[in-house]
Amino acid sequence: MNIIEPSWEPYVWIIVGVLIMIGEFVIPGTFVVFIGFGAVVTGVCSLFFPIGLGMQILIMAITTGVSILFGSAFIKKVFPSTVTKDEMSDEPFRNDIVTVQSDILVNQKGGRIRYQGTDWDAYSEGSRISKGERVRILRRDNLTFIVEPLEFRD
């Protein structure tokens, strides 16, 4: 019986994977642990099966992708976000009047406004607004502004 001596590659995968998972405490972002998990699984597979570097990289990519796909939902359930949005905050852009750069759609991103010299995504909750019209900024949702036409303001 011919026993294949284990090479150094499986141990490198495992050590690097564990270091990456430990790095999760230093590097912001939850997905880093999944990359480390993929490396550890690759190391364990290559420890027990004689596989080439190309197959190892494929195992790493598949394992990382699958673990991100299924693991991120699990992580979000176990560690829910504690960030809340203060609706009463004094946002400096609220009620500012701006010009529409491209048609603004109803409840659909795609429109653009010019605010402080920069174009921003925008949408309206009430009506379609044509390019060139002036609108009032109501609020912001991440990097998208919610606006209303000036004539509908009470």
N, C-alpha and C. Protein backbone atom coordinates (compact mmCIF):
# COMPACT_ATOMS: atom_id res chain seq x y z
N MET A 1 0.84 -1.17 0.00
CA MET A 1 0.00 0.00 0.00
C MET A 1 0.89 1.24 0.00
N ASN A 2 0.59 2.14 -0.91
CA ASN A 2 1.38 3.35 -1.06
C ASN A 2 0.69 4.50 -0.32
N ILE A 3 1.31 4.94 0.75
CA ILE A 3 0.74 6.02 1.54
C ILE A 3 1.40 7.32 1.09
N ILE A 4 0.54 8.29 0.73
CA ILE A 4 1.04 9.60 0.30
C ILE A 4 1.33 10.43 1.54
N GLU A 5 2.56 10.90 1.63
CA GLU A 5 2.89 11.78 2.75
C GLU A 5 2.22 13.12 2.57
N PRO A 6 1.65 13.64 3.63
CA PRO A 6 0.99 14.94 3.49
C PRO A 6 2.01 16.02 3.19
N SER A 7 1.65 16.88 2.27
CA SER A 7 2.55 18.00 1.94
C SER A 7 2.26 19.16 2.87
N TRP A 8 2.95 20.22 2.71
CA TRP A 8 2.78 21.39 3.55
C TRP A 8 1.55 22.22 3.17
N GLU A 9 1.02 22.05 1.95
CA GLU A 9 -0.10 22.87 1.47
C GLU A 9 -1.34 22.82 2.37
N PRO A 10 -1.79 21.65 2.82
CA PRO A 10 -3.00 21.64 3.66
C PRO A 10 -2.83 22.45 4.94
N TYR A 11 -1.65 22.37 5.52
CA TYR A 11 -1.41 23.09 6.77
C TYR A 11 -1.37 24.60 6.55
N VAL A 12 -0.87 25.02 5.41
CA VAL A 12 -0.85 26.45 5.08
C VAL A 12 -2.29 26.95 4.95
N TRP A 13 -3.12 26.20 4.23
CA TRP A 13 -4.54 26.58 4.08
C TRP A 13 -5.20 26.72 5.45
N ILE A 14 -4.98 25.73 6.31
CA ILE A 14 -5.63 25.74 7.63
C ILE A 14 -5.13 26.90 8.48
N ILE A 15 -3.82 27.10 8.52
CA ILE A 15 -3.25 28.18 9.33
C ILE A 15 -3.71 29.55 8.82
N VAL A 16 -3.66 29.74 7.50
CA VAL A 16 -4.10 31.01 6.92
C VAL A 16 -5.59 31.22 7.20
N GLY A 17 -6.39 30.17 7.07
CA GLY A 17 -7.82 30.27 7.35
C GLY A 17 -8.10 30.67 8.77
N VAL A 18 -7.40 30.06 9.72
CA VAL A 18 -7.59 30.42 11.13
C VAL A 18 -7.15 31.85 11.38
N LEU A 19 -6.04 32.26 10.79
CA LEU A 19 -5.57 33.65 10.96
C LEU A 19 -6.57 34.65 10.37
N ILE A 20 -7.16 34.30 9.24
CA ILE A 20 -8.17 35.18 8.64
C ILE A 20 -9.39 35.28 9.55
N MET A 21 -9.82 34.16 10.12
CA MET A 21 -10.97 34.19 11.02
C MET A 21 -10.65 35.01 12.27
N ILE A 22 -9.45 34.90 12.78
CA ILE A 22 -9.04 35.72 13.93
C ILE A 22 -9.00 37.19 13.51
N GLY A 23 -8.60 37.43 12.26
CA GLY A 23 -8.56 38.79 11.74
C GLY A 23 -9.92 39.46 11.68
N GLU A 24 -10.99 38.68 11.77
CA GLU A 24 -12.34 39.23 11.80
C GLU A 24 -12.50 40.24 12.94
N PHE A 25 -11.76 40.05 14.01
CA PHE A 25 -11.85 40.96 15.14
C PHE A 25 -11.17 42.30 14.84
N VAL A 26 -10.28 42.32 13.85
CA VAL A 26 -9.55 43.53 13.50
C VAL A 26 -10.13 44.18 12.24
N ILE A 27 -10.47 43.36 11.25
CA ILE A 27 -10.96 43.84 9.97
C ILE A 27 -12.48 43.98 10.04
N PRO A 28 -13.01 45.17 9.80
CA PRO A 28 -14.47 45.31 9.87
C PRO A 28 -15.16 44.58 8.72
N GLY A 29 -16.30 44.02 8.99
CA GLY A 29 -17.07 43.30 7.97
C GLY A 29 -17.20 41.85 8.35
N THR A 30 -18.40 41.34 8.25
CA THR A 30 -18.68 39.98 8.70
C THR A 30 -18.17 38.93 7.73
N PHE A 31 -18.04 39.25 6.47
CA PHE A 31 -17.73 38.23 5.48
C PHE A 31 -16.32 37.65 5.59
N VAL A 32 -15.43 38.31 6.30
CA VAL A 32 -14.04 37.85 6.39
C VAL A 32 -13.96 36.47 7.03
N VAL A 33 -14.81 36.21 8.01
CA VAL A 33 -14.81 34.91 8.67
C VAL A 33 -15.17 33.80 7.68
N PHE A 34 -16.01 34.11 6.68
CA PHE A 34 -16.39 33.11 5.70
C PHE A 34 -15.23 32.77 4.76
N ILE A 35 -14.39 33.75 4.48
CA ILE A 35 -13.19 33.48 3.68
C ILE A 35 -12.26 32.55 4.45
N GLY A 36 -12.09 32.83 5.74
CA GLY A 36 -11.26 31.96 6.57
C GLY A 36 -11.82 30.56 6.66
N PHE A 37 -13.15 30.45 6.78
CA PHE A 37 -13.80 29.14 6.82
C PHE A 37 -13.53 28.37 5.52
N GLY A 38 -13.61 29.07 4.39
CA GLY A 38 -13.33 28.44 3.10
C GLY A 38 -11.90 27.92 3.03
N ALA A 39 -10.97 28.67 3.58
CA ALA A 39 -9.56 28.24 3.58
C ALA A 39 -9.36 27.02 4.47
N VAL A 40 -10.01 27.00 5.63
CA VAL A 40 -9.87 25.84 6.53
C VAL A 40 -10.46 24.59 5.88
N VAL A 41 -11.65 24.72 5.29
CA VAL A 41 -12.27 23.56 4.62
C VAL A 41 -11.38 23.07 3.49
N THR A 42 -10.79 23.99 2.74
CA THR A 42 -9.87 23.61 1.66
C THR A 42 -8.67 22.86 2.21
N GLY A 43 -8.12 23.34 3.32
CA GLY A 43 -6.98 22.67 3.94
C GLY A 43 -7.33 21.27 4.41
N VAL A 44 -8.49 21.12 5.03
CA VAL A 44 -8.91 19.79 5.51
C VAL A 44 -9.13 18.85 4.33
N CYS A 45 -9.77 19.34 3.26
CA CYS A 45 -9.98 18.50 2.07
C CYS A 45 -8.66 18.07 1.45
N SER A 46 -7.72 19.00 1.34
CA SER A 46 -6.44 18.66 0.72
C SER A 46 -5.57 17.81 1.65
N LEU A 47 -5.88 17.81 2.92
CA LEU A 47 -5.16 16.95 3.86
C LEU A 47 -5.53 15.48 3.66
N PHE A 48 -6.81 15.24 3.36
CA PHE A 48 -7.29 13.86 3.23
C PHE A 48 -7.34 13.36 1.80
N PHE A 49 -7.36 14.26 0.82
CA PHE A 49 -7.44 13.86 -0.58
C PHE A 49 -6.31 14.50 -1.36
N PRO A 50 -5.64 13.75 -2.23
CA PRO A 50 -4.56 14.33 -3.04
C PRO A 50 -5.14 15.17 -4.18
N ILE A 51 -5.26 16.45 -3.97
CA ILE A 51 -5.82 17.34 -4.99
C ILE A 51 -4.82 18.43 -5.34
N GLY A 52 -4.89 18.87 -6.58
CA GLY A 52 -3.96 19.88 -7.06
C GLY A 52 -4.38 21.28 -6.63
N LEU A 53 -3.51 22.24 -6.92
CA LEU A 53 -3.74 23.62 -6.52
C LEU A 53 -4.99 24.21 -7.17
N GLY A 54 -5.22 23.88 -8.43
CA GLY A 54 -6.41 24.38 -9.12
C GLY A 54 -7.69 23.93 -8.45
N MET A 55 -7.75 22.67 -8.07
CA MET A 55 -8.92 22.15 -7.37
C MET A 55 -9.03 22.76 -5.98
N GLN A 56 -7.91 23.01 -5.34
CA GLN A 56 -7.94 23.65 -4.03
C GLN A 56 -8.55 25.05 -4.12
N ILE A 57 -8.15 25.80 -5.13
CA ILE A 57 -8.70 27.14 -5.32
C ILE A 57 -10.20 27.06 -5.61
N LEU A 58 -10.61 26.08 -6.40
CA LEU A 58 -12.03 25.90 -6.69
C LEU A 58 -12.82 25.57 -5.43
N ILE A 59 -12.28 24.67 -4.60
CA ILE A 59 -12.93 24.33 -3.34
C ILE A 59 -13.03 25.56 -2.44
N MET A 60 -11.96 26.34 -2.39
CA MET A 60 -11.96 27.57 -1.59
C MET A 60 -13.06 28.52 -2.07
N ALA A 61 -13.15 28.73 -3.37
CA ALA A 61 -14.14 29.66 -3.93
C ALA A 61 -15.56 29.18 -3.67
N ILE A 62 -15.81 27.92 -3.90
CA ILE A 62 -17.17 27.37 -3.70
C ILE A 62 -17.54 27.40 -2.22
N THR A 63 -16.64 26.95 -1.37
CA THR A 63 -16.93 26.93 0.07
C THR A 63 -17.17 28.33 0.61
N THR A 64 -16.35 29.28 0.19
CA THR A 64 -16.51 30.65 0.64
C THR A 64 -17.84 31.22 0.15
N GLY A 65 -18.15 31.02 -1.11
CA GLY A 65 -19.40 31.52 -1.67
C GLY A 65 -20.63 30.95 -0.98
N VAL A 66 -20.63 29.63 -0.78
CA VAL A 66 -21.78 28.99 -0.13
C VAL A 66 -21.89 29.44 1.33
N SER A 67 -20.78 29.56 2.01
CA SER A 67 -20.84 29.98 3.41
C SER A 67 -21.29 31.43 3.54
N ILE A 68 -20.90 32.29 2.61
CA ILE A 68 -21.38 33.67 2.63
C ILE A 68 -22.88 33.70 2.35
N LEU A 69 -23.31 32.91 1.38
CA LEU A 69 -24.72 32.89 1.01
C LEU A 69 -25.61 32.46 2.17
N PHE A 70 -25.25 31.37 2.82
CA PHE A 70 -26.09 30.85 3.89
C PHE A 70 -25.70 31.40 5.27
N GLY A 71 -24.46 31.68 5.46
CA GLY A 71 -24.00 32.13 6.77
C GLY A 71 -24.37 33.55 7.10
N SER A 72 -24.43 34.42 6.10
CA SER A 72 -24.74 35.82 6.39
C SER A 72 -26.16 35.97 6.93
N ALA A 73 -27.11 35.19 6.42
CA ALA A 73 -28.48 35.25 6.95
C ALA A 73 -28.50 34.78 8.40
N PHE A 74 -27.74 33.75 8.69
CA PHE A 74 -27.68 33.23 10.06
C PHE A 74 -27.06 34.27 11.00
N ILE A 75 -25.99 34.90 10.56
CA ILE A 75 -25.30 35.91 11.37
C ILE A 75 -26.24 37.08 11.66
N LYS A 76 -27.01 37.50 10.66
CA LYS A 76 -27.94 38.62 10.87
C LYS A 76 -29.02 38.27 11.89
N LYS A 77 -29.43 37.00 11.95
CA LYS A 77 -30.43 36.59 12.93
C LYS A 77 -29.83 36.52 14.33
N VAL A 78 -28.62 36.01 14.43
CA VAL A 78 -27.97 35.85 15.73
C VAL A 78 -27.53 37.20 16.29
N PHE A 79 -27.01 38.07 15.42
CA PHE A 79 -26.52 39.39 15.84
C PHE A 79 -27.30 40.47 15.09
N PRO A 80 -28.52 40.78 15.52
CA PRO A 80 -29.30 41.81 14.82
C PRO A 80 -28.66 43.18 14.97
N SER A 81 -28.94 44.03 14.00
CA SER A 81 -28.39 45.38 14.01
C SER A 81 -28.96 46.18 15.17
N THR A 82 -28.09 46.94 15.81
CA THR A 82 -28.54 47.79 16.91
C THR A 82 -28.63 49.25 16.49
N VAL A 83 -28.38 49.52 15.23
CA VAL A 83 -28.42 50.88 14.73
C VAL A 83 -29.87 51.25 14.45
N THR A 84 -30.28 52.37 14.97
CA THR A 84 -31.62 52.87 14.69
C THR A 84 -31.51 54.25 14.09
N LYS A 85 -32.48 54.60 13.27
CA LYS A 85 -32.47 55.90 12.62
C LYS A 85 -33.33 56.85 13.43
N ASP A 86 -32.77 57.99 13.75
CA ASP A 86 -33.49 59.01 14.48
C ASP A 86 -34.26 59.87 13.48
N GLU A 87 -35.56 59.65 13.40
CA GLU A 87 -36.39 60.39 12.45
C GLU A 87 -36.48 61.87 12.81
N MET A 88 -36.20 62.22 14.04
CA MET A 88 -36.30 63.61 14.47
C MET A 88 -34.98 64.36 14.34
N SER A 89 -33.97 63.73 13.78
CA SER A 89 -32.67 64.40 13.68
C SER A 89 -32.76 65.60 12.75
N ASP A 90 -31.92 66.56 12.99
CA ASP A 90 -31.90 67.78 12.19
C ASP A 90 -30.97 67.54 11.00
N GLU A 91 -31.54 67.10 9.88
CA GLU A 91 -30.75 66.83 8.70
C GLU A 91 -30.59 68.14 7.92
N PRO A 92 -29.38 68.52 7.60
CA PRO A 92 -29.14 69.84 7.00
C PRO A 92 -29.76 70.00 5.61
N PHE A 93 -30.05 68.92 4.92
CA PHE A 93 -30.58 69.02 3.56
C PHE A 93 -32.10 69.09 3.52
N ARG A 94 -32.76 68.80 4.63
CA ARG A 94 -34.22 68.77 4.65
C ARG A 94 -34.78 70.14 4.25
N ASN A 95 -35.76 70.11 3.34
CA ASN A 95 -36.46 71.29 2.80
C ASN A 95 -35.62 72.13 1.84
N ASP A 96 -34.42 71.68 1.49
CA ASP A 96 -33.64 72.41 0.50
C ASP A 96 -34.30 72.27 -0.87
N ILE A 97 -34.22 73.31 -1.68
CA ILE A 97 -34.78 73.32 -3.02
C ILE A 97 -33.64 73.02 -4.00
N VAL A 98 -33.87 72.03 -4.87
CA VAL A 98 -32.84 71.60 -5.82
C VAL A 98 -33.47 71.43 -7.20
N THR A 99 -32.61 71.27 -8.21
CA THR A 99 -33.05 71.10 -9.59
C THR A 99 -32.94 69.62 -10.00
N VAL A 100 -33.94 69.16 -10.72
CA VAL A 100 -33.97 67.78 -11.22
C VAL A 100 -33.05 67.68 -12.44
N GLN A 101 -32.12 66.73 -12.42
CA GLN A 101 -31.16 66.54 -13.51
C GLN A 101 -31.65 65.51 -14.52
N SER A 102 -32.39 64.49 -14.06
CA SER A 102 -33.04 63.53 -14.95
C SER A 102 -34.36 63.13 -14.31
N ASP A 103 -35.32 62.80 -15.13
CA ASP A 103 -36.69 62.56 -14.67
C ASP A 103 -36.73 61.70 -13.41
N ILE A 104 -37.54 62.14 -12.45
CA ILE A 104 -37.68 61.43 -11.19
C ILE A 104 -38.96 60.61 -11.25
N LEU A 105 -38.84 59.34 -10.90
CA LEU A 105 -39.96 58.41 -10.99
C LEU A 105 -40.63 58.25 -9.63
N VAL A 106 -41.82 57.68 -9.63
CA VAL A 106 -42.57 57.46 -8.40
C VAL A 106 -42.11 56.16 -7.75
N ASN A 107 -41.62 56.25 -6.52
CA ASN A 107 -41.17 55.11 -5.73
C ASN A 107 -40.23 54.18 -6.48
N GLN A 108 -39.39 54.77 -7.33
CA GLN A 108 -38.44 53.97 -8.10
C GLN A 108 -37.19 54.80 -8.32
N LYS A 109 -36.05 54.22 -7.97
CA LYS A 109 -34.79 54.93 -8.16
C LYS A 109 -34.53 55.11 -9.65
N GLY A 110 -33.71 56.07 -9.95
CA GLY A 110 -33.35 56.31 -11.35
C GLY A 110 -33.28 57.79 -11.67
N GLY A 111 -34.06 58.60 -10.94
CA GLY A 111 -34.01 60.03 -11.14
C GLY A 111 -32.76 60.61 -10.48
N ARG A 112 -32.40 61.83 -10.90
CA ARG A 112 -31.21 62.48 -10.35
C ARG A 112 -31.52 63.93 -10.03
N ILE A 113 -30.96 64.41 -8.91
CA ILE A 113 -31.04 65.81 -8.55
C ILE A 113 -29.62 66.35 -8.37
N ARG A 114 -29.48 67.67 -8.43
CA ARG A 114 -28.19 68.31 -8.17
C ARG A 114 -28.28 68.96 -6.80
N TYR A 115 -27.45 68.46 -5.85
CA TYR A 115 -27.43 69.01 -4.50
C TYR A 115 -26.00 69.33 -4.14
N GLN A 116 -25.73 70.56 -3.81
CA GLN A 116 -24.41 71.07 -3.44
C GLN A 116 -23.35 70.71 -4.48
N GLY A 117 -23.71 70.86 -5.76
CA GLY A 117 -22.76 70.66 -6.84
C GLY A 117 -22.54 69.22 -7.25
N THR A 118 -23.28 68.30 -6.66
CA THR A 118 -23.12 66.87 -6.98
C THR A 118 -24.47 66.28 -7.35
N ASP A 119 -24.48 65.38 -8.33
CA ASP A 119 -25.71 64.69 -8.70
C ASP A 119 -25.96 63.52 -7.76
N TRP A 120 -27.22 63.37 -7.32
CA TRP A 120 -27.62 62.32 -6.39
C TRP A 120 -28.83 61.59 -6.93
N ASP A 121 -28.96 60.30 -6.58
CA ASP A 121 -30.16 59.56 -6.91
C ASP A 121 -31.33 60.13 -6.13
N ALA A 122 -32.53 60.08 -6.74
CA ALA A 122 -33.71 60.60 -6.06
C ALA A 122 -34.95 59.91 -6.60
N TYR A 123 -35.99 59.88 -5.78
CA TYR A 123 -37.30 59.45 -6.25
C TYR A 123 -38.38 60.22 -5.49
N SER A 124 -39.57 60.17 -6.06
CA SER A 124 -40.72 60.85 -5.48
C SER A 124 -41.71 59.81 -5.00
N GLU A 125 -42.45 60.14 -3.96
CA GLU A 125 -43.48 59.24 -3.47
C GLU A 125 -44.85 59.58 -4.04
N GLY A 126 -44.96 60.74 -4.73
CA GLY A 126 -46.28 61.18 -5.17
C GLY A 126 -46.48 61.23 -6.67
N SER A 127 -45.52 61.82 -7.39
CA SER A 127 -45.73 61.99 -8.82
C SER A 127 -44.39 62.01 -9.55
N ARG A 128 -44.47 61.76 -10.85
CA ARG A 128 -43.29 61.83 -11.71
C ARG A 128 -42.90 63.30 -11.87
N ILE A 129 -41.60 63.58 -11.85
CA ILE A 129 -41.12 64.95 -11.93
C ILE A 129 -40.13 65.04 -13.09
N SER A 130 -40.33 65.98 -13.96
CA SER A 130 -39.52 66.09 -15.18
C SER A 130 -38.20 66.81 -14.92
N LYS A 131 -37.25 66.55 -15.80
CA LYS A 131 -35.95 67.19 -15.76
C LYS A 131 -36.12 68.71 -15.85
N GLY A 132 -35.34 69.44 -15.05
CA GLY A 132 -35.37 70.89 -15.07
C GLY A 132 -36.30 71.49 -14.01
N GLU A 133 -37.23 70.72 -13.49
CA GLU A 133 -38.13 71.25 -12.47
C GLU A 133 -37.40 71.38 -11.15
N ARG A 134 -37.95 72.19 -10.28
CA ARG A 134 -37.38 72.39 -8.94
C ARG A 134 -38.18 71.55 -7.95
N VAL A 135 -37.48 70.93 -7.00
CA VAL A 135 -38.11 70.06 -6.01
C VAL A 135 -37.58 70.39 -4.62
N ARG A 136 -38.32 69.92 -3.63
CA ARG A 136 -37.93 70.09 -2.23
C ARG A 136 -37.49 68.72 -1.71
N ILE A 137 -36.36 68.68 -1.01
CA ILE A 137 -35.88 67.44 -0.41
C ILE A 137 -36.66 67.19 0.88
N LEU A 138 -37.27 66.01 0.98
CA LEU A 138 -38.01 65.63 2.18
C LEU A 138 -37.13 64.90 3.18
N ARG A 139 -36.39 63.92 2.67
CA ARG A 139 -35.52 63.12 3.53
C ARG A 139 -34.55 62.33 2.65
N ARG A 140 -33.74 61.54 3.31
CA ARG A 140 -32.73 60.75 2.61
C ARG A 140 -32.84 59.31 3.05
N ASP A 141 -32.69 58.39 2.11
CA ASP A 141 -32.64 56.96 2.39
C ASP A 141 -31.28 56.46 1.87
N ASN A 142 -30.32 56.34 2.78
CA ASN A 142 -28.93 56.04 2.43
C ASN A 142 -28.41 57.12 1.48
N LEU A 143 -28.12 56.78 0.24
CA LEU A 143 -27.58 57.75 -0.71
C LEU A 143 -28.62 58.23 -1.70
N THR A 144 -29.88 58.00 -1.41
CA THR A 144 -30.97 58.41 -2.29
C THR A 144 -31.87 59.42 -1.56
N PHE A 145 -32.16 60.53 -2.24
CA PHE A 145 -33.04 61.55 -1.66
C PHE A 145 -34.48 61.30 -2.09
N ILE A 146 -35.40 61.53 -1.17
CA ILE A 146 -36.82 61.48 -1.46
C ILE A 146 -37.27 62.93 -1.57
N VAL A 147 -37.89 63.27 -2.70
CA VAL A 147 -38.22 64.66 -2.99
C VAL A 147 -39.71 64.80 -3.33
N GLU A 148 -40.16 66.07 -3.36
CA GLU A 148 -41.53 66.37 -3.79
C GLU A 148 -41.49 67.62 -4.66
N PRO A 149 -42.42 67.70 -5.60
CA PRO A 149 -42.48 68.93 -6.42
C PRO A 149 -42.88 70.12 -5.55
N LEU A 150 -42.42 71.29 -5.89
CA LEU A 150 -42.72 72.47 -5.08
C LEU A 150 -44.20 72.79 -5.02
N GLU A 151 -44.95 72.54 -6.10
CA GLU A 151 -46.35 72.94 -6.12
C GLU A 151 -47.24 72.08 -5.22
N PHE A 152 -46.74 70.94 -4.72
CA PHE A 152 -47.56 70.08 -3.87
C PHE A 152 -47.31 70.32 -2.39
N ARG A 153 -46.49 71.26 -2.05
CA ARG A 153 -46.16 71.55 -0.65
C ARG A 153 -47.31 72.32 -0.01
N ASP A 154 -47.77 71.88 1.16
CA ASP A 154 -48.85 72.57 1.89
C ASP A 154 -48.33 73.79 2.62
